[in-house]
Each structure stands twice: as C-alpha cells, then as structure tokens.
Amino acid sequence: MPEGGEGYSSGSVWRLILAVFLENRLAIVGLGLIVFMVLFCFVGPLVYHTQQVFNNPNIANLPPSAHHPLGTDPVGYDMLGRLMLGGQSSLEIGFAAALIAVGIGVIWGATAGLAGGVVDAVMMRIVDALLAIPFLFALILLGAIFTTSIPELIIVIGLVAWLVPARLVRGETLSLRVREYVQAVRVMGGGSGRVLLRHIIPNTVGTIVVNATFQVADAIIFVATLSFLGIGVPPPATNWGGELSNGLSYFYDGYWWLIYPAGIAIVLTVVAFNFVGDAMRDALEVRLQQR
C-alpha cells in the first residue's frame, strides 16, 4: 500500500477483503445466526404476541405444548416470548457495552500511542494496573453497586471491558505514527488532533472492527454472568442470563424446559459473533499485506 494510505481505502482491496470473508463458511453461518437472533428477538414479538408484564399463576410451569411452544415459567410467562424479550436486553446491552468499551479503548490507546514518552508510559501503566484486578471481581463489585437498570448495566460492562481495546489500538498507533505520511502531516503543521482523527484512528479501523465483534460476544457473556449471579435488572425486565439462573433453580424439580432455551441462545449467539470475528480478522490480513 502506498505510504499515504490510499491503498487502504481502495475499492479493490475492500472487494478482496469481502471475498475472503465470504469464502469462510463459518463466517456465513455466524452471520446468519446473528441476523436470525436479531430478527427473532426484535421482530418475533410483533408476530408472536405474549403477555410479559403481569404474573399468571394459573398457567405456571406448563410444559411445552402447541399453545406454549417452550412452556411457561414459574410465574406464568410464556417462555418463547420470554426468550425474545430476554434476547432484546442481551443484544442491546451487548452492542451498547461493546460500543462504549471500544470507544474508550480507541481514544485512550490512540492518544497514548501518539503521545509517546512519559504520557504513554503513565497511561499504559494505568491500563496494566487495572488489568491486574481480577476481571470477574471488578465486574461483580461494580455490578452489585451500580446495576439497577439496563443503562447502568451497559455502563458498568463498558467501563470494565475497555482495557484490551486500548492496548490493541495503542500497539497499532505505535506502528502508524512513524509512517512517512504521518510525519509529513506533522512537518506541514498538522496538530496531534488532526493526525489522530484523520490518519491514526481511520487506519486502525480493521483492528477496531474485529475487536468490537469479540467485545459484543464478551458483553453478552458478562451480562449473562451478572444476571446468573442475581446482579441485574429487576423483573419484569429480563435477559438470557436471568432466565438461565431461573431455569437452573427449578431444573431439579423436573421443569427441564426452563433452562435449555436461554442457554442455547447464549451459546449460539456468542459462537456466532466469534465466528464472524475470526473471519474478519483473517480477511483483514489482506489489508495488512497490501501495506
């Protein structure tokens, strides 16, 4: 790729990247699963109408049937409708928390890498110190203190998950800042802000997009973990982790249908995002080879 970065944005390179991505069968499977889950959770309730606000003990703990395909839970909620509602929360939290984590990580890492010297050393020592804290401990502690609503849950996960993106972007920035086109911008009087926004961050987009994909999968696991431990949004709101925890509580009483739907949904969604992330990482290696 030319030093000015023109090859990076050329249509031919991006067409090659897309072709490599589409050749990966697992990527297609993963992408299909993601699309299916999004449609299932957000469009499904428009077709399959259920009552998910008030308890209905008269139909509690019914096994799967024609009227309730996945059965009902201990308070009478239809499990298929509950799965859709829980999926909405899980996906919304996953995407939003990943956006926050990647956003903070990109700004922090790019700033540290471009500044260099003492600034870089101090900023990255802060990251190292935070990474030394057991991740699950930090997540549970912050979750127990702050999570009473979905927005707070999103912020907690985002604030815990930004460290890895910061390290990745900082490493990419250290490589980019010594390139001739970046040095030329500096010689011509371009400030650090211009260099950062116009030349550094745009050229880390591959790293950012790939990491964001994994961050969504991680965030879904994190919110499921918190909800499984009883740290999450209060009912009637729900997510897949809460449903999994509820199902486990009644599993040994013979209500087997309460645990499997949410567990399968979590596994399929996380695996799908990881399939797509792996394929995107492989495809974007084409861009690196063009540099």
Protein backbone atom coordinates (compact mmCIF):
# COMPACT_ATOMS: atom_id res chain seq x y z
CA MET A 1 0.00 0.00 0.00
CA PRO A 2 1.30 3.48 -0.69
CA GLU A 3 2.54 5.36 2.35
CA GLY A 4 -0.25 7.88 2.13
CA GLY A 5 -2.74 5.15 2.88
CA GLU A 6 -4.55 5.38 -0.47
CA GLY A 7 -4.45 1.62 -0.92
CA TYR A 8 -6.23 1.18 2.36
CA SER A 9 -9.40 2.76 1.08
CA SER A 10 -9.22 1.45 -2.47
CA GLY A 11 -12.22 -0.47 -3.70
CA SER A 12 -10.09 -3.34 -4.96
CA VAL A 13 -8.61 -4.09 -1.54
CA TRP A 14 -12.00 -3.96 0.17
CA ARG A 15 -13.53 -6.18 -2.52
CA LEU A 16 -10.74 -8.68 -1.88
CA ILE A 17 -11.37 -8.48 1.86
CA LEU A 18 -15.09 -9.14 1.30
CA ALA A 19 -14.31 -12.06 -0.99
CA VAL A 20 -12.01 -13.64 1.60
CA PHE A 21 -14.65 -13.15 4.29
CA LEU A 22 -17.41 -14.72 2.19
CA GLU A 23 -15.22 -17.73 1.41
CA ASN A 24 -15.24 -18.60 5.10
CA ARG A 25 -18.22 -20.91 5.65
CA LEU A 26 -18.17 -20.45 9.41
CA ALA A 27 -18.39 -16.70 8.87
CA ILE A 28 -21.53 -17.14 6.78
CA VAL A 29 -23.01 -19.44 9.42
CA GLY A 30 -22.16 -16.95 12.15
CA LEU A 31 -23.55 -14.01 10.22
CA GLY A 32 -26.73 -15.95 9.51
CA LEU A 33 -27.14 -16.80 13.19
CA ILE A 34 -26.67 -13.16 14.20
CA VAL A 35 -29.26 -11.98 11.69
CA PHE A 36 -31.64 -14.72 12.82
CA MET A 37 -31.21 -13.80 16.50
CA VAL A 38 -31.80 -10.11 15.82
CA LEU A 39 -34.94 -10.85 13.81
CA PHE A 40 -36.12 -13.42 16.35
CA CYS A 41 -35.74 -11.05 19.31
CA PHE A 42 -36.92 -7.79 17.77
CA VAL A 43 -39.33 -8.84 15.02
CA GLY A 44 -40.58 -12.04 16.63
CA PRO A 45 -42.68 -10.28 19.32
CA LEU A 46 -44.55 -8.47 16.55
CA VAL A 47 -45.71 -11.84 15.25
CA TYR A 48 -45.87 -13.94 18.41
CA HIS A 49 -47.80 -11.88 20.96
CA THR A 50 -47.44 -12.75 24.64
CA GLN A 51 -48.11 -11.07 27.98
CA GLN A 52 -44.80 -10.37 29.72
CA VAL A 53 -45.78 -7.87 32.42
CA PHE A 54 -48.25 -9.44 34.87
CA ASN A 55 -47.92 -12.78 36.67
CA ASN A 56 -50.36 -15.52 35.72
CA PRO A 57 -50.03 -18.38 38.25
CA ASN A 58 -52.91 -20.27 36.60
CA ILE A 59 -50.61 -21.28 33.76
CA ALA A 60 -47.34 -21.51 35.71
CA ASN A 61 -44.80 -24.23 34.88
CA LEU A 62 -46.69 -25.69 31.95
CA PRO A 63 -44.56 -27.98 29.74
CA PRO A 64 -44.10 -27.23 26.04
CA SER A 65 -47.32 -27.52 24.07
CA ALA A 66 -48.97 -26.22 20.92
CA HIS A 67 -50.18 -23.14 22.79
CA HIS A 68 -46.86 -22.55 24.59
CA PRO A 69 -44.10 -24.00 22.34
CA LEU A 70 -41.41 -23.64 25.03
CA GLY A 71 -43.71 -23.97 28.03
CA THR A 72 -44.25 -21.39 30.77
CA ASP A 73 -42.14 -20.31 33.74
CA PRO A 74 -42.99 -20.34 37.50
CA VAL A 75 -44.92 -17.05 37.30
CA GLY A 76 -46.83 -17.90 34.13
CA TYR A 77 -44.79 -16.11 31.48
CA ASP A 78 -44.69 -17.77 28.07
CA MET A 79 -41.09 -18.98 27.66
CA LEU A 80 -40.87 -18.31 23.93
CA GLY A 81 -41.96 -14.73 24.46
CA ARG A 82 -39.63 -14.50 27.45
CA LEU A 83 -36.75 -15.71 25.30
CA MET A 84 -37.45 -12.96 22.77
CA LEU A 85 -37.68 -10.30 25.48
CA GLY A 86 -34.53 -11.52 27.18
CA GLY A 87 -32.74 -11.55 23.85
CA GLN A 88 -33.62 -7.92 23.27
CA SER A 89 -31.95 -6.91 26.54
CA SER A 90 -28.93 -9.17 25.99
CA LEU A 91 -28.28 -7.92 22.46
CA GLU A 92 -28.92 -4.27 23.32
CA ILE A 93 -26.54 -4.47 26.26
CA GLY A 94 -24.00 -6.40 24.19
CA PHE A 95 -23.89 -3.90 21.34
CA ALA A 96 -24.04 -0.80 23.54
CA ALA A 97 -21.44 -2.00 26.06
CA ALA A 98 -19.12 -3.02 23.22
CA LEU A 99 -19.53 0.43 21.67
CA ILE A 100 -18.58 2.11 24.96
CA ALA A 101 -15.65 -0.23 25.60
CA VAL A 102 -14.23 0.13 22.10
CA GLY A 103 -14.84 3.89 22.07
CA ILE A 104 -12.96 4.45 25.33
CA GLY A 105 -10.25 1.99 24.33
CA VAL A 106 -9.68 3.63 20.94
CA ILE A 107 -9.38 7.14 22.37
CA TRP A 108 -7.15 6.05 25.24
CA GLY A 109 -4.91 3.75 23.20
CA ALA A 110 -4.53 6.10 20.23
CA THR A 111 -3.76 9.06 22.48
CA ALA A 112 -1.15 7.11 24.44
CA GLY A 113 0.49 5.69 21.33
CA LEU A 114 0.65 9.02 19.53
CA ALA A 115 1.89 10.98 22.54
CA GLY A 116 4.63 8.53 23.43
CA GLY A 117 7.19 9.17 26.14
CA VAL A 118 6.05 9.83 29.68
CA VAL A 119 2.40 10.27 28.69
CA ASP A 120 2.34 6.86 27.02
CA ALA A 121 4.13 5.24 29.95
CA VAL A 122 1.75 6.68 32.54
CA MET A 123 -1.41 5.91 30.56
CA MET A 124 -0.40 2.33 29.87
CA ARG A 125 0.70 1.71 33.47
CA ILE A 126 -2.83 2.70 34.45
CA VAL A 127 -4.14 0.11 32.00
CA ASP A 128 -1.72 -2.51 33.35
CA ALA A 129 -2.77 -1.77 36.92
CA LEU A 130 -6.45 -2.13 36.06
CA LEU A 131 -5.77 -5.34 34.14
CA ALA A 132 -4.15 -6.75 37.28
CA ILE A 133 -7.52 -6.61 39.04
CA PRO A 134 -9.42 -9.90 38.56
CA PHE A 135 -11.92 -9.14 35.84
CA LEU A 136 -14.84 -11.06 37.29
CA PHE A 137 -14.27 -9.49 40.71
CA ALA A 138 -14.37 -5.97 39.24
CA LEU A 139 -17.46 -6.80 37.21
CA ILE A 140 -19.34 -8.25 40.18
CA LEU A 141 -18.29 -5.41 42.50
CA LEU A 142 -19.37 -2.65 40.12
CA GLY A 143 -22.48 -4.59 39.16
CA ALA A 144 -23.54 -5.01 42.78
CA ILE A 145 -23.06 -1.29 43.45
CA PHE A 146 -24.50 0.31 40.34
CA THR A 147 -26.74 -2.01 38.31
CA THR A 148 -30.40 -1.23 38.85
CA SER A 149 -31.27 -0.60 35.20
CA ILE A 150 -30.17 -1.58 31.72
CA PRO A 151 -28.31 1.73 31.06
CA GLU A 152 -26.31 1.28 34.27
CA LEU A 153 -25.52 -2.32 33.32
CA ILE A 154 -24.27 -1.15 29.93
CA ILE A 155 -22.01 1.47 31.52
CA VAL A 156 -20.59 -0.98 34.07
CA ILE A 157 -19.66 -3.55 31.42
CA GLY A 158 -18.27 -0.87 29.10
CA LEU A 159 -16.10 0.61 31.85
CA VAL A 160 -14.66 -2.80 32.71
CA ALA A 161 -14.09 -4.04 29.14
CA TRP A 162 -12.19 -1.11 27.53
CA LEU A 163 -8.69 -2.15 28.61
CA VAL A 164 -7.97 -4.74 25.91
CA PRO A 165 -9.09 -2.46 23.03
CA ALA A 166 -6.85 0.25 24.48
CA ARG A 167 -3.78 -1.99 24.34
CA LEU A 168 -4.56 -3.18 20.81
CA VAL A 169 -5.09 0.33 19.42
CA ARG A 170 -2.03 1.67 21.22
CA GLY A 171 0.12 -1.02 19.59
CA GLU A 172 -1.32 -0.20 16.17
CA THR A 173 -0.75 3.52 16.76
CA LEU A 174 2.91 2.99 17.64
CA SER A 175 3.34 1.39 14.22
CA LEU A 176 1.38 4.05 12.33
CA ARG A 177 2.90 7.16 13.89
CA VAL A 178 6.34 6.54 12.33
CA ARG A 179 5.00 6.23 8.80
CA GLU A 180 6.08 8.83 6.28
CA TYR A 181 2.61 10.25 5.63
CA VAL A 182 2.08 10.88 9.36
CA GLN A 183 5.48 12.54 9.62
CA ALA A 184 4.65 14.65 6.56
CA VAL A 185 1.45 15.90 8.19
CA ARG A 186 3.42 16.92 11.27
CA VAL A 187 6.05 18.73 9.19
CA MET A 188 3.28 20.63 7.39
CA GLY A 189 1.98 21.88 10.74
CA GLY A 190 -0.76 19.35 11.38
CA GLY A 191 -1.61 19.14 15.07
CA SER A 192 -1.92 15.99 17.13
CA GLY A 193 -5.71 16.14 16.94
CA ARG A 194 -5.66 16.19 13.14
CA VAL A 195 -3.14 13.36 12.99
CA LEU A 196 -5.19 11.31 15.43
CA LEU A 197 -8.58 11.83 13.79
CA ARG A 198 -7.56 11.91 10.14
CA HIS A 199 -4.69 9.43 9.95
CA ILE A 200 -4.32 7.23 13.03
CA ILE A 201 -7.83 6.16 14.02
CA PRO A 202 -9.06 5.62 10.41
CA ASN A 203 -6.10 3.31 9.80
CA THR A 204 -6.86 1.24 12.88
CA VAL A 205 -10.41 0.54 11.72
CA GLY A 206 -9.62 -3.10 10.96
CA THR A 207 -8.37 -3.74 14.48
CA ILE A 208 -11.29 -1.79 15.92
CA VAL A 209 -13.98 -3.64 13.96
CA VAL A 210 -12.56 -7.08 14.72
CA ASN A 211 -12.22 -6.32 18.41
CA ALA A 212 -15.71 -4.82 18.53
CA THR A 213 -17.12 -8.11 17.26
CA PHE A 214 -15.47 -10.02 20.08
CA GLN A 215 -16.50 -7.32 22.55
CA VAL A 216 -20.17 -7.88 21.72
CA ALA A 217 -19.80 -11.61 22.43
CA ASP A 218 -17.93 -10.89 25.67
CA ALA A 219 -20.53 -8.34 26.79
CA ILE A 220 -23.34 -10.86 26.27
CA ILE A 221 -21.43 -13.33 28.46
CA PHE A 222 -20.76 -10.65 31.08
CA VAL A 223 -24.40 -9.61 31.38
CA ALA A 224 -25.42 -13.26 31.50
CA THR A 225 -22.89 -13.85 34.29
CA LEU A 226 -24.14 -10.91 36.34
CA SER A 227 -27.76 -11.88 35.88
CA PHE A 228 -26.99 -15.52 36.66
CA LEU A 229 -25.50 -14.35 39.96
CA GLY A 230 -28.59 -12.26 40.67
CA ILE A 231 -26.96 -8.92 39.87
CA GLY A 232 -29.00 -7.41 37.10
CA VAL A 233 -32.11 -5.55 36.15
CA PRO A 234 -35.21 -6.30 38.25
CA PRO A 235 -38.26 -8.07 36.77
CA PRO A 236 -40.35 -7.90 34.70
CA ALA A 237 -37.30 -6.94 32.62
CA THR A 238 -35.12 -9.94 31.85
CA ASN A 239 -32.18 -11.22 29.84
CA TRP A 240 -30.86 -14.62 28.91
CA GLY A 241 -28.62 -14.86 31.97
CA GLY A 242 -31.53 -14.22 34.30
CA GLU A 243 -33.61 -16.84 32.52
CA LEU A 244 -30.75 -19.32 32.77
CA SER A 245 -30.45 -18.70 36.51
CA ASN A 246 -34.20 -19.04 36.97
CA GLY A 247 -34.25 -22.25 34.95
CA LEU A 248 -31.43 -23.78 36.99
CA SER A 249 -33.33 -23.07 40.20
CA TYR A 250 -36.24 -25.23 39.01
CA PHE A 251 -34.33 -27.74 36.88
CA TYR A 252 -34.09 -30.40 39.58
CA ASP A 253 -37.81 -30.10 40.26
CA GLY A 254 -38.43 -31.55 36.82
CA TYR A 255 -39.01 -28.32 34.91
CA TRP A 256 -36.34 -29.07 32.33
CA TRP A 257 -37.79 -26.72 29.70
CA LEU A 258 -36.86 -23.64 31.75
CA ILE A 259 -33.08 -23.92 31.39
CA TYR A 260 -32.36 -25.01 27.83
CA PRO A 261 -33.74 -22.15 25.65
CA ALA A 262 -31.70 -19.34 27.24
CA GLY A 263 -28.58 -21.50 27.50
CA ILE A 264 -28.76 -22.49 23.84
CA ALA A 265 -29.43 -18.88 22.79
CA ILE A 266 -26.36 -17.62 24.68
CA VAL A 267 -24.10 -20.31 23.22
CA LEU A 268 -25.31 -19.83 19.64
CA THR A 269 -25.06 -16.03 19.77
CA VAL A 270 -21.60 -15.95 21.35
CA VAL A 271 -20.27 -18.60 18.96
CA ALA A 272 -21.77 -16.71 16.01
CA PHE A 273 -20.01 -13.46 16.94
CA ASN A 274 -16.74 -15.33 17.42
CA PHE A 275 -17.09 -16.99 14.00
CA VAL A 276 -17.61 -13.57 12.41
CA GLY A 277 -14.77 -12.01 14.39
CA ASP A 278 -12.31 -14.74 13.42
CA ALA A 279 -13.29 -14.45 9.76
CA MET A 280 -12.99 -10.66 9.80
CA ARG A 281 -9.54 -10.90 11.35
CA ASP A 282 -8.42 -13.34 8.65
CA ALA A 283 -9.94 -11.22 5.88
CA LEU A 284 -8.35 -8.01 7.12
CA GLU A 285 -4.92 -9.62 6.96
CA VAL A 286 -5.27 -8.96 3.24
CA ARG A 287 -5.16 -5.23 4.01
CA LEU A 288 -2.05 -5.69 6.13
CA GLN A 289 -0.36 -7.49 3.26
CA GLN A 290 -1.14 -4.53 0.99
CA ARG A 291 0.71 -2.05 3.23
